[in-house]
């Protein structure tokens, strides 16, 4: 089953195990790194903020907004690798706009670039 739309694995390809078992594995995915865009927002981490709650707050209008936590994690100048680690209070996070998510993160051009 292919990854669903707006999944962080949408643009990965599947590799077949070399042992003949037929098992499929996902190849590495290309992250969407920080870009200084005019419609970026910043957020100062407060008590109780998580990547999930921030994605839910900022990405309304997309399917499963909290599921886009990885967009915030990837978009930082210093990428956040583990969403389960608490965010440091006072840390400044860069938040891409919904426009950026739809037009750039999930663009057809990016999908074409990721296809081997």
N, C-alpha and C. Protein backbone atom coordinates (compact mmCIF):
# COMPACT_ATOMS: atom_id res chain seq x y z
N UNK A 1 0.85 -1.17 0.00
CA UNK A 1 0.00 0.00 0.00
C UNK A 1 0.90 1.24 0.00
N UNK A 2 0.72 2.15 -0.94
CA UNK A 2 1.57 3.35 -0.99
C UNK A 2 1.23 4.30 0.15
N UNK A 3 2.18 5.13 0.55
CA UNK A 3 1.91 6.11 1.60
C UNK A 3 0.79 7.06 1.16
N UNK A 4 -0.01 7.50 2.13
CA UNK A 4 -1.12 8.39 1.81
C UNK A 4 -0.62 9.81 1.56
N UNK A 5 -1.47 10.62 0.93
CA UNK A 5 -1.12 12.00 0.62
C UNK A 5 -0.84 12.76 1.92
N UNK A 6 0.13 13.63 1.91
CA UNK A 6 0.59 14.42 3.05
C UNK A 6 1.38 13.58 4.06
N UNK A 7 1.79 12.39 3.67
CA UNK A 7 2.65 11.58 4.51
C UNK A 7 4.09 12.01 4.27
N UNK A 8 4.93 11.91 5.30
CA UNK A 8 6.34 12.24 5.10
C UNK A 8 7.02 11.23 4.19
N UNK A 9 6.38 10.11 3.93
CA UNK A 9 6.94 9.07 3.06
C UNK A 9 6.34 9.10 1.65
N UNK A 10 5.57 10.14 1.35
CA UNK A 10 4.89 10.22 0.05
C UNK A 10 5.87 10.14 -1.12
N UNK A 11 7.06 10.70 -0.97
CA UNK A 11 8.00 10.76 -2.09
C UNK A 11 9.16 9.79 -1.94
N UNK A 12 9.00 8.75 -1.15
CA UNK A 12 10.05 7.75 -1.06
C UNK A 12 9.73 6.61 -2.02
N UNK A 13 10.72 5.87 -2.37
CA UNK A 13 10.47 4.70 -3.21
C UNK A 13 10.69 3.45 -2.38
N UNK A 14 10.10 2.36 -2.82
CA UNK A 14 10.23 1.10 -2.10
C UNK A 14 11.36 0.28 -2.73
N UNK A 15 12.13 -0.35 -1.89
CA UNK A 15 13.20 -1.22 -2.34
C UNK A 15 12.85 -2.65 -1.94
N UNK A 16 13.13 -3.60 -2.79
CA UNK A 16 12.86 -5.00 -2.49
C UNK A 16 14.09 -5.61 -1.84
N UNK A 17 13.84 -6.41 -0.80
CA UNK A 17 14.94 -7.08 -0.09
C UNK A 17 15.72 -7.95 -1.06
N UNK A 18 17.03 -7.96 -0.88
CA UNK A 18 17.89 -8.74 -1.77
C UNK A 18 17.89 -10.22 -1.45
N UNK A 19 17.28 -10.62 -0.33
CA UNK A 19 17.31 -12.02 0.07
C UNK A 19 16.22 -12.86 -0.60
N UNK A 20 15.47 -12.27 -1.53
CA UNK A 20 14.42 -13.00 -2.24
C UNK A 20 13.13 -13.17 -1.47
N UNK A 21 13.02 -12.56 -0.29
CA UNK A 21 11.82 -12.71 0.54
C UNK A 21 10.64 -11.91 0.02
N UNK A 22 10.91 -10.95 -0.87
CA UNK A 22 9.84 -10.10 -1.39
C UNK A 22 9.48 -8.96 -0.46
N UNK A 23 10.17 -8.82 0.66
CA UNK A 23 9.88 -7.73 1.60
C UNK A 23 10.24 -6.40 0.96
N UNK A 24 9.42 -5.39 1.23
CA UNK A 24 9.68 -4.06 0.72
C UNK A 24 10.14 -3.15 1.85
N UNK A 25 11.08 -2.29 1.55
CA UNK A 25 11.58 -1.32 2.50
C UNK A 25 11.52 0.06 1.85
N UNK A 26 11.27 1.07 2.66
CA UNK A 26 11.27 2.42 2.13
C UNK A 26 12.69 2.94 2.02
N UNK A 27 12.99 3.58 0.91
CA UNK A 27 14.29 4.22 0.74
C UNK A 27 14.29 5.50 1.57
N UNK A 28 15.43 6.08 1.78
CA UNK A 28 15.51 7.33 2.53
C UNK A 28 14.68 8.42 1.89
N UNK A 29 14.13 9.29 2.72
CA UNK A 29 13.31 10.37 2.19
C UNK A 29 14.09 11.66 2.23
N UNK A 30 13.82 12.51 1.27
CA UNK A 30 14.48 13.82 1.25
C UNK A 30 13.69 14.78 2.11
N UNK A 31 14.36 15.39 3.06
CA UNK A 31 13.70 16.34 3.95
C UNK A 31 13.46 17.66 3.22
N UNK A 32 12.51 18.44 3.73
CA UNK A 32 12.25 19.77 3.19
C UNK A 32 12.93 20.77 4.12
N UNK A 33 14.15 21.20 3.78
CA UNK A 33 14.94 22.02 4.70
C UNK A 33 14.44 23.46 4.80
N UNK A 34 14.94 24.15 5.80
CA UNK A 34 14.60 25.55 6.04
C UNK A 34 14.91 26.38 4.81
N UNK A 35 13.98 27.29 4.52
CA UNK A 35 14.17 28.29 3.46
C UNK A 35 13.63 29.59 4.02
N UNK A 36 14.29 30.68 3.74
CA UNK A 36 13.84 31.98 4.21
C UNK A 36 12.77 32.49 3.25
N UNK A 37 11.52 32.18 3.56
CA UNK A 37 10.39 32.56 2.70
C UNK A 37 9.61 33.69 3.35
N UNK A 38 9.01 34.54 2.52
CA UNK A 38 8.31 35.72 3.04
C UNK A 38 7.11 35.37 3.91
N UNK A 39 6.51 34.20 3.73
CA UNK A 39 5.33 33.86 4.52
C UNK A 39 5.63 32.88 5.67
N UNK A 40 6.92 32.68 5.98
CA UNK A 40 7.27 31.90 7.17
C UNK A 40 6.75 32.62 8.41
N UNK A 41 6.46 31.85 9.42
CA UNK A 41 6.14 32.42 10.72
C UNK A 41 7.17 31.92 11.72
N UNK A 42 7.26 32.60 12.84
CA UNK A 42 8.10 32.11 13.92
C UNK A 42 7.20 31.86 15.12
N UNK A 43 7.65 30.94 15.96
CA UNK A 43 6.93 30.62 17.18
C UNK A 43 7.95 30.40 18.28
N UNK A 44 7.72 31.02 19.41
CA UNK A 44 8.59 30.81 20.57
C UNK A 44 7.95 29.71 21.42
N UNK A 45 8.68 28.64 21.64
CA UNK A 45 8.16 27.47 22.35
C UNK A 45 7.75 27.86 23.76
N UNK A 46 6.52 27.50 24.10
CA UNK A 46 5.97 27.75 25.42
C UNK A 46 5.69 26.44 26.14
N UNK A 47 5.26 26.53 27.35
CA UNK A 47 4.92 25.36 28.17
C UNK A 47 3.88 24.50 27.45
N UNK A 48 4.15 23.22 27.32
CA UNK A 48 3.20 22.28 26.73
C UNK A 48 3.24 22.18 25.22
N UNK A 49 4.04 23.00 24.56
CA UNK A 49 4.13 22.92 23.10
C UNK A 49 4.82 21.62 22.69
N UNK A 50 4.27 20.97 21.70
CA UNK A 50 4.90 19.82 21.06
C UNK A 50 4.82 20.05 19.56
N UNK A 51 5.58 19.28 18.81
CA UNK A 51 5.49 19.40 17.35
C UNK A 51 4.08 19.07 16.87
N UNK A 52 3.43 18.14 17.54
CA UNK A 52 2.08 17.73 17.15
C UNK A 52 1.08 18.85 17.38
N UNK A 53 1.14 19.49 18.57
CA UNK A 53 0.17 20.56 18.86
C UNK A 53 0.42 21.78 17.99
N UNK A 54 1.68 22.07 17.72
CA UNK A 54 1.99 23.23 16.87
C UNK A 54 1.54 22.98 15.43
N UNK A 55 1.76 21.78 14.92
CA UNK A 55 1.29 21.46 13.56
C UNK A 55 -0.23 21.57 13.50
N UNK A 56 -0.91 21.08 14.52
CA UNK A 56 -2.37 21.16 14.54
C UNK A 56 -2.82 22.62 14.53
N UNK A 57 -2.13 23.46 15.27
CA UNK A 57 -2.49 24.88 15.36
C UNK A 57 -2.20 25.63 14.05
N UNK A 58 -1.03 25.41 13.47
CA UNK A 58 -0.61 26.21 12.32
C UNK A 58 -1.06 25.67 10.96
N UNK A 59 -1.38 24.39 10.88
CA UNK A 59 -1.67 23.79 9.58
C UNK A 59 -3.14 23.44 9.39
N UNK A 60 -4.02 24.17 10.03
CA UNK A 60 -5.45 23.98 9.80
C UNK A 60 -5.73 24.18 8.32
N UNK A 61 -6.64 23.41 7.78
CA UNK A 61 -6.96 23.50 6.36
C UNK A 61 -6.26 22.44 5.55
N UNK A 62 -5.41 21.65 6.19
CA UNK A 62 -4.78 20.51 5.52
C UNK A 62 -5.36 19.25 6.13
N UNK A 63 -5.32 18.14 5.39
CA UNK A 63 -5.77 16.88 5.99
C UNK A 63 -4.84 16.47 7.13
N UNK A 64 -5.42 16.05 8.23
CA UNK A 64 -4.65 15.58 9.38
C UNK A 64 -3.53 16.55 9.76
N UNK A 65 -3.86 17.78 10.15
CA UNK A 65 -2.82 18.78 10.40
C UNK A 65 -1.78 18.36 11.43
N UNK A 66 -2.18 17.69 12.52
CA UNK A 66 -1.19 17.28 13.52
C UNK A 66 -0.20 16.27 12.96
N UNK A 67 -0.62 15.54 11.93
CA UNK A 67 0.26 14.58 11.28
C UNK A 67 1.38 15.23 10.49
N UNK A 68 1.32 16.54 10.34
CA UNK A 68 2.38 17.26 9.62
C UNK A 68 3.46 17.80 10.56
N UNK A 69 3.55 17.24 11.76
CA UNK A 69 4.58 17.66 12.73
C UNK A 69 5.97 17.59 12.10
N UNK A 70 6.18 16.61 11.22
CA UNK A 70 7.50 16.41 10.61
C UNK A 70 7.91 17.56 9.71
N UNK A 71 6.93 18.32 9.16
CA UNK A 71 7.27 19.48 8.34
C UNK A 71 7.98 20.52 9.21
N UNK A 72 7.46 20.75 10.41
CA UNK A 72 8.11 21.70 11.33
C UNK A 72 9.48 21.17 11.71
N UNK A 73 9.58 19.89 12.03
CA UNK A 73 10.86 19.29 12.44
C UNK A 73 11.91 19.44 11.34
N UNK A 74 11.55 19.14 10.10
CA UNK A 74 12.49 19.23 8.97
C UNK A 74 12.86 20.67 8.65
N UNK A 75 11.94 21.61 8.86
CA UNK A 75 12.09 22.98 8.38
C UNK A 75 13.01 23.84 9.26
N UNK A 76 13.46 23.33 10.37
CA UNK A 76 14.32 24.11 11.25
C UNK A 76 15.74 24.18 10.70
N UNK A 77 16.44 25.31 10.93
CA UNK A 77 17.84 25.37 10.52
C UNK A 77 18.65 24.22 11.14
N UNK A 78 18.29 23.86 12.38
CA UNK A 78 18.85 22.67 13.02
C UNK A 78 17.70 21.68 13.13
N UNK A 79 17.68 20.70 12.22
CA UNK A 79 16.57 19.76 12.12
C UNK A 79 16.31 19.06 13.45
N UNK A 80 15.04 18.87 13.77
CA UNK A 80 14.65 18.11 14.97
C UNK A 80 14.46 16.67 14.52
N UNK A 81 15.27 15.75 15.05
CA UNK A 81 15.26 14.37 14.58
C UNK A 81 14.27 13.49 15.35
N UNK A 82 13.95 13.84 16.58
CA UNK A 82 13.09 12.98 17.40
C UNK A 82 11.92 13.79 17.94
N UNK A 83 10.71 13.54 17.44
CA UNK A 83 9.54 14.33 17.87
C UNK A 83 9.11 14.05 19.30
N UNK A 84 9.67 13.00 19.91
CA UNK A 84 9.27 12.68 21.28
C UNK A 84 10.07 13.45 22.32
N UNK A 85 11.15 14.10 21.90
CA UNK A 85 11.97 14.88 22.83
C UNK A 85 11.29 16.22 23.06
N UNK A 86 11.24 16.64 24.30
CA UNK A 86 10.61 17.92 24.64
C UNK A 86 11.33 19.07 23.95
N UNK A 87 10.55 20.04 23.50
CA UNK A 87 11.13 21.24 22.90
C UNK A 87 11.60 22.16 24.02
N UNK A 88 12.73 22.80 23.83
CA UNK A 88 13.27 23.72 24.83
C UNK A 88 12.41 24.96 24.91
N UNK A 89 11.97 25.31 26.12
CA UNK A 89 11.19 26.53 26.32
C UNK A 89 11.99 27.72 25.82
N UNK A 90 11.34 28.60 25.09
CA UNK A 90 12.00 29.79 24.56
C UNK A 90 12.67 29.59 23.22
N UNK A 91 12.75 28.35 22.75
CA UNK A 91 13.36 28.10 21.44
C UNK A 91 12.50 28.74 20.35
N UNK A 92 13.14 29.34 19.37
CA UNK A 92 12.42 29.92 18.25
C UNK A 92 12.31 28.86 17.15
N UNK A 93 11.08 28.58 16.75
CA UNK A 93 10.84 27.64 15.66
C UNK A 93 10.36 28.40 14.44
N UNK A 94 10.77 27.95 13.29
CA UNK A 94 10.30 28.52 12.04
C UNK A 94 9.19 27.62 11.51
N UNK A 95 8.07 28.23 11.16
CA UNK A 95 6.89 27.49 10.71
C UNK A 95 6.60 27.89 9.27
N UNK A 96 6.65 26.92 8.35
CA UNK A 96 6.28 27.25 6.97
C UNK A 96 4.77 27.46 6.87
N UNK A 97 4.35 28.21 5.89
CA UNK A 97 2.92 28.47 5.70
C UNK A 97 2.23 27.25 5.08
N UNK A 98 0.90 27.24 5.15
CA UNK A 98 0.12 26.19 4.48
C UNK A 98 0.38 26.27 2.98
N UNK A 99 0.54 27.47 2.45
CA UNK A 99 0.87 27.62 1.03
C UNK A 99 2.16 26.88 0.70
N UNK A 100 3.17 27.05 1.53
CA UNK A 100 4.45 26.37 1.31
C UNK A 100 4.27 24.86 1.34
N UNK A 101 3.48 24.38 2.28
CA UNK A 101 3.26 22.93 2.38
C UNK A 101 2.62 22.40 1.11
N UNK A 102 1.58 23.07 0.66
CA UNK A 102 0.83 22.58 -0.50
C UNK A 102 1.60 22.80 -1.81
N UNK A 103 2.17 24.00 -1.97
CA UNK A 103 2.81 24.33 -3.25
C UNK A 103 4.25 23.87 -3.37
N UNK A 104 4.93 23.65 -2.25
CA UNK A 104 6.35 23.29 -2.34
C UNK A 104 6.66 21.93 -1.73
N UNK A 105 6.23 21.68 -0.50
CA UNK A 105 6.56 20.41 0.15
C UNK A 105 5.93 19.25 -0.63
N UNK A 106 4.66 19.41 -1.02
CA UNK A 106 3.95 18.34 -1.72
C UNK A 106 3.70 18.66 -3.19
N UNK A 107 4.60 19.39 -3.81
CA UNK A 107 4.43 19.78 -5.21
C UNK A 107 4.68 18.60 -6.14
N UNK A 108 4.06 18.66 -7.29
CA UNK A 108 4.29 17.63 -8.32
C UNK A 108 5.73 17.65 -8.78
N UNK A 109 6.34 18.84 -8.83
CA UNK A 109 7.75 18.93 -9.25
C UNK A 109 8.65 18.17 -8.28
N UNK A 110 8.37 18.32 -6.98
CA UNK A 110 9.17 17.61 -5.97
C UNK A 110 8.93 16.11 -6.09
N UNK A 111 7.70 15.72 -6.37
CA UNK A 111 7.40 14.29 -6.53
C UNK A 111 8.18 13.71 -7.70
N UNK A 112 8.28 14.47 -8.79
CA UNK A 112 9.02 14.02 -9.96
C UNK A 112 10.51 13.90 -9.66
N UNK A 113 11.05 14.86 -8.89
CA UNK A 113 12.47 14.82 -8.52
C UNK A 113 12.79 13.61 -7.66
N UNK A 114 11.84 13.20 -6.81
CA UNK A 114 12.07 12.09 -5.87
C UNK A 114 11.92 10.73 -6.53
N UNK A 115 11.28 10.68 -7.68
CA UNK A 115 11.05 9.39 -8.35
C UNK A 115 12.33 8.97 -9.05
N UNK A 116 12.81 7.76 -8.72
CA UNK A 116 14.06 7.29 -9.35
C UNK A 116 13.88 6.94 -10.80
